[in-house]
Amino acid sequence: MRAGGALPERAGEVIVQGEDLGTWITAQRAGWEQLVVAQQYLLETIGVEPPAEGEATVPARRTHADRWATHLAAARQFHAREGHLPVPRKHVEELPGEDGESGTPVRLGGWLDNTRHRADKLTPERRAELDELGMRW
C-alpha cells in the first residue's frame, strides 16, 4: 500500500512488514472504547472510524488452518531453494507479498521444531505434506 491508498476492509488484503493491516484495523475498531482520546484521534486522521452504533466488531483471527498453510508455503519455498528441510531454529523465511515487493516473514525454524515435537498430534495429511519435503522426525 502506498501513501494515500485505501485502507483495507478485511483481513488478508494488505500485509506490510508481516503485519496484516486489515486485522490490525479490525482490532483497533473492536477495542475503540479502550483507546485513549489521542489514539482515537490519530486513527481517525488516517481514515479509521469508530464502529457504528450497534455494529458488531470482533477482531479477525487467523484460523489454525490459515497458519498451517502459511508455514507450509514457507517450508515448500525453503525446500525448493535449498533442496532440504533441516532449517536452523532461528531461521525466518520471507514469503513474497501479493504485490511482489513487501513480504511476510515466517518463523519457519521454530515452527518446524515445534511441529516435530508435536508430531503425534498431527493429522496423517499434514504429516504427509511435511514428509514430501523430507521432514526429519
C-alpha atoms as a PDB file:
ATOM      1  CA  MET A   1       0.000   0.000   0.000  1.00  0.00           C
ATOM      2  CA  ARG A   2       1.338   3.416  -0.908  1.00  0.00           C
ATOM      3  CA  ALA A   3       0.733   6.685   0.894  1.00  0.00           C
ATOM      4  CA  GLY A   4      -2.723   7.945   0.083  1.00  0.00           C
ATOM      5  CA  GLY A   5      -4.044   4.479  -0.780  1.00  0.00           C
ATOM      6  CA  ALA A   6      -7.252   2.985   0.545  1.00  0.00           C
ATOM      7  CA  LEU A   7      -7.235   1.219   3.886  1.00  0.00           C
ATOM      8  CA  PRO A   8      -8.026  -2.490   3.800  1.00  0.00           C
ATOM      9  CA  GLU A   9     -11.526  -3.503   4.793  1.00  0.00           C
ATOM     10  CA  ARG A  10     -10.809  -7.186   5.520  1.00  0.00           C
ATOM     11  CA  ALA A  11      -8.019  -9.327   6.896  1.00  0.00           C
ATOM     12  CA  GLY A  12      -5.505 -10.561   4.368  1.00  0.00           C
ATOM     13  CA  GLU A  13      -5.899  -7.712   1.875  1.00  0.00           C
ATOM     14  CA  VAL A  14      -2.726  -5.792   2.776  1.00  0.00           C
ATOM     15  CA  ILE A  15       0.315  -7.164   4.609  1.00  0.00           C
ATOM     16  CA  VAL A  16       3.136  -4.756   5.474  1.00  0.00           C
ATOM     17  CA  GLN A  17       6.279  -5.997   7.204  1.00  0.00           C
ATOM     18  CA  GLY A  18       4.426  -9.109   8.303  1.00  0.00           C
ATOM     19  CA  GLU A  19       1.527  -7.177   9.808  1.00  0.00           C
ATOM     20  CA  ASP A  20      -1.940  -7.759   8.389  1.00  0.00           C
ATOM     21  CA  LEU A  21      -3.355  -4.243   8.281  1.00  0.00           C
ATOM     22  CA  GLY A  22      -6.951  -5.398   7.885  1.00  0.00           C
ATOM     23  CA  THR A  23      -6.662  -7.462  11.070  1.00  0.00           C
ATOM     24  CA  TRP A  24      -4.980  -4.577  12.875  1.00  0.00           C
ATOM     25  CA  ILE A  25      -7.679  -2.087  11.841  1.00  0.00           C
ATOM     26  CA  THR A  26     -10.421  -4.513  12.897  1.00  0.00           C
ATOM     27  CA  ALA A  27      -8.750  -4.918  16.291  1.00  0.00           C
ATOM     28  CA  GLN A  28      -8.468  -1.146  16.759  1.00  0.00           C
ATOM     29  CA  ARG A  29     -12.143  -0.674  15.946  1.00  0.00           C
ATOM     30  CA  ALA A  30     -13.161  -3.575  18.233  1.00  0.00           C
ATOM     31  CA  GLY A  31     -11.259  -2.030  21.148  1.00  0.00           C
ATOM     32  CA  TRP A  32     -12.164   1.589  20.332  1.00  0.00           C
ATOM     33  CA  GLU A  33     -13.586   2.318  23.777  1.00  0.00           C
ATOM     34  CA  GLN A  34     -10.375   1.181  25.469  1.00  0.00           C
ATOM     35  CA  LEU A  35      -8.240   3.589  23.411  1.00  0.00           C
ATOM     36  CA  VAL A  36      -7.341   6.989  24.806  1.00  0.00           C
ATOM     37  CA  VAL A  37      -8.720  10.027  23.002  1.00  0.00           C
ATOM     38  CA  ALA A  38      -5.349  10.758  21.365  1.00  0.00           C
ATOM     39  CA  GLN A  39      -5.215   7.242  19.881  1.00  0.00           C
ATOM     40  CA  GLN A  40      -8.770   7.557  18.591  1.00  0.00           C
ATOM     41  CA  TYR A  41      -7.890  10.914  17.038  1.00  0.00           C
ATOM     42  CA  LEU A  42      -4.798   9.525  15.298  1.00  0.00           C
ATOM     43  CA  LEU A  43      -6.771   6.603  13.904  1.00  0.00           C
ATOM     44  CA  GLU A  44      -9.457   8.958  12.623  1.00  0.00           C
ATOM     45  CA  THR A  45      -6.808  11.077  10.866  1.00  0.00           C
ATOM     46  CA  ILE A  46      -5.775   8.053   8.772  1.00  0.00           C
ATOM     47  CA  GLY A  47      -9.365   7.105   7.997  1.00  0.00           C
ATOM     48  CA  VAL A  48     -10.154   4.528  10.683  1.00  0.00           C
ATOM     49  CA  GLU A  49     -13.561   5.269  12.139  1.00  0.00           C
ATOM     50  CA  PRO A  50     -15.155   4.018  15.347  1.00  0.00           C
ATOM     51  CA  PRO A  51     -17.739   1.265  14.984  1.00  0.00           C
ATOM     52  CA  ALA A  52     -21.247   2.495  14.239  1.00  0.00           C
ATOM     53  CA  GLU A  53     -23.891   2.286  16.949  1.00  0.00           C
ATOM     54  CA  GLY A  54     -24.810  -1.395  17.373  1.00  0.00           C
ATOM     55  CA  GLU A  55     -22.168  -2.608  14.889  1.00  0.00           C
ATOM     56  CA  ALA A  56     -20.688  -5.927  15.954  1.00  0.00           C
ATOM     57  CA  THR A  57     -16.911  -5.700  15.943  1.00  0.00           C
ATOM     58  CA  VAL A  58     -14.970  -8.857  16.545  1.00  0.00           C
ATOM     59  CA  PRO A  59     -11.246  -8.866  15.885  1.00  0.00           C
ATOM     60  CA  ALA A  60     -10.408 -11.077  12.911  1.00  0.00           C
ATOM     61  CA  ARG A  61      -8.371 -14.103  13.852  1.00  0.00           C
ATOM     62  CA  ARG A  62      -6.357 -16.344  11.627  1.00  0.00           C
ATOM     63  CA  THR A  63      -7.516 -19.908  11.828  1.00  0.00           C
ATOM     64  CA  HIS A  64      -5.200 -22.782  12.629  1.00  0.00           C
ATOM     65  CA  ALA A  65      -5.606 -23.933   9.013  1.00  0.00           C
ATOM     66  CA  ASP A  66      -4.541 -20.482   7.754  1.00  0.00           C
ATOM     67  CA  ARG A  67      -1.432 -20.525   9.940  1.00  0.00           C
ATOM     68  CA  TRP A  68      -0.629 -24.083   8.807  1.00  0.00           C
ATOM     69  CA  ALA A  69      -0.956 -23.078   5.139  1.00  0.00           C
ATOM     70  CA  THR A  70       1.352 -20.078   5.603  1.00  0.00           C
ATOM     71  CA  HIS A  71       4.035 -22.117   7.363  1.00  0.00           C
ATOM     72  CA  LEU A  72       3.753 -24.960   4.868  1.00  0.00           C
ATOM     73  CA  ALA A  73       4.185 -22.477   1.989  1.00  0.00           C
ATOM     74  CA  ALA A  74       7.333 -21.167   3.701  1.00  0.00           C
ATOM     75  CA  ALA A  75       8.620 -24.744   4.138  1.00  0.00           C
ATOM     76  CA  ARG A  76       7.972 -25.508   0.468  1.00  0.00           C
ATOM     77  CA  GLN A  77       9.724 -22.317  -0.603  1.00  0.00           C
ATOM     78  CA  PHE A  78      12.739 -23.116   1.580  1.00  0.00           C
ATOM     79  CA  HIS A  79      12.868 -26.709   0.294  1.00  0.00           C
ATOM     80  CA  ALA A  80      12.629 -25.584  -3.347  1.00  0.00           C
ATOM     81  CA  ARG A  81      15.508 -23.158  -2.855  1.00  0.00           C
ATOM     82  CA  GLU A  82      17.781 -25.226  -0.591  1.00  0.00           C
ATOM     83  CA  GLY A  83      16.868 -28.788  -1.591  1.00  0.00           C
ATOM     84  CA  HIS A  84      16.409 -29.924   2.015  1.00  0.00           C
ATOM     85  CA  LEU A  85      14.285 -29.161   5.056  1.00  0.00           C
ATOM     86  CA  PRO A  86      16.668 -29.114   8.029  1.00  0.00           C
ATOM     87  CA  VAL A  87      16.190 -25.468   9.000  1.00  0.00           C
ATOM     88  CA  PRO A  88      18.019 -23.646  11.804  1.00  0.00           C
ATOM     89  CA  ARG A  89      15.685 -22.922  14.723  1.00  0.00           C
ATOM     90  CA  LYS A  90      16.003 -19.137  14.356  1.00  0.00           C
ATOM     91  CA  HIS A  91      15.542 -19.094  10.566  1.00  0.00           C
ATOM     92  CA  VAL A  92      12.902 -16.671   9.247  1.00  0.00           C
ATOM     93  CA  GLU A  93      11.651 -17.344   5.718  1.00  0.00           C
ATOM     94  CA  GLU A  94      10.355 -14.368   3.766  1.00  0.00           C
ATOM     95  CA  LEU A  95       7.258 -15.185   1.715  1.00  0.00           C
ATOM     96  CA  PRO A  96       6.672 -12.802  -1.190  1.00  0.00           C
ATOM     97  CA  GLY A  97       3.714 -10.460  -0.900  1.00  0.00           C
ATOM     98  CA  GLU A  98       0.930 -10.208  -3.441  1.00  0.00           C
ATOM     99  CA  ASP A  99       2.441  -7.036  -4.886  1.00  0.00           C
ATOM    100  CA  GLY A 100       5.810  -8.738  -5.302  1.00  0.00           C
ATOM    101  CA  GLU A 101       7.500  -6.191  -3.049  1.00  0.00           C
ATOM    102  CA  SER A 102       6.521  -6.491   0.589  1.00  0.00           C
ATOM    103  CA  GLY A 103       6.955  -9.933   2.052  1.00  0.00           C
ATOM    104  CA  THR A 104       5.652 -11.828   5.022  1.00  0.00           C
ATOM    105  CA  PRO A 105       8.291 -13.057   7.474  1.00  0.00           C
ATOM    106  CA  VAL A 106       7.574 -16.587   8.729  1.00  0.00           C
ATOM    107  CA  ARG A 107       9.471 -18.066  11.687  1.00  0.00           C
ATOM    108  CA  LEU A 108       9.991 -21.334   9.888  1.00  0.00           C
ATOM    109  CA  GLY A 109      12.739 -22.866  12.024  1.00  0.00           C
ATOM    110  CA  GLY A 110      10.812 -22.554  15.274  1.00  0.00           C
ATOM    111  CA  TRP A 111       7.606 -23.785  13.664  1.00  0.00           C
ATOM    112  CA  LEU A 112       9.291 -26.890  12.242  1.00  0.00           C
ATOM    113  CA  ASP A 113      10.956 -27.628  15.572  1.00  0.00           C
ATOM    114  CA  ASN A 114       7.658 -27.273  17.440  1.00  0.00           C
ATOM    115  CA  THR A 115       5.838 -29.343  14.816  1.00  0.00           C
ATOM    116  CA  ARG A 116       8.463 -32.064  15.134  1.00  0.00           C
ATOM    117  CA  HIS A 117       7.867 -32.211  18.887  1.00  0.00           C
ATOM    118  CA  ARG A 118       4.094 -32.447  18.353  1.00  0.00           C
ATOM    119  CA  ALA A 119       4.248 -34.978  15.518  1.00  0.00           C
ATOM    120  CA  ASP A 120       1.968 -37.421  17.344  1.00  0.00           C
ATOM    121  CA  LYS A 121      -0.825 -34.810  17.274  1.00  0.00           C
ATOM    122  CA  LEU A 122      -0.653 -34.122  13.519  1.00  0.00           C
ATOM    123  CA  THR A 123      -3.242 -35.457  11.132  1.00  0.00           C
ATOM    124  CA  PRO A 124      -1.923 -38.018   8.644  1.00  0.00           C
ATOM    125  CA  GLU A 125      -2.485 -35.485   5.846  1.00  0.00           C
ATOM    126  CA  ARG A 126      -0.366 -32.813   7.493  1.00  0.00           C
ATOM    127  CA  ARG A 127       2.348 -35.284   8.351  1.00  0.00           C
ATOM    128  CA  ALA A 128       2.361 -36.470   4.703  1.00  0.00           C
ATOM    129  CA  GLU A 129       2.715 -32.855   3.479  1.00  0.00           C
ATOM    130  CA  LEU A 130       5.888 -32.480   5.519  1.00  0.00           C
ATOM    131  CA  ASP A 131       7.123 -35.977   4.606  1.00  0.00           C
ATOM    132  CA  GLU A 132       7.010 -34.908   0.939  1.00  0.00           C
ATOM    133  CA  LEU A 133       9.563 -32.219   1.796  1.00  0.00           C
ATOM    134  CA  GLY A 134      11.862 -34.661   3.599  1.00  0.00           C
ATOM    135  CA  MET A 135      10.956 -33.708   7.155  1.00  0.00           C
ATOM    136  CA  ARG A 136      13.175 -35.416   9.705  1.00  0.00           C
ATOM    137  CA  TRP A 137      11.047 -36.504  12.622  1.00  0.00           C
END
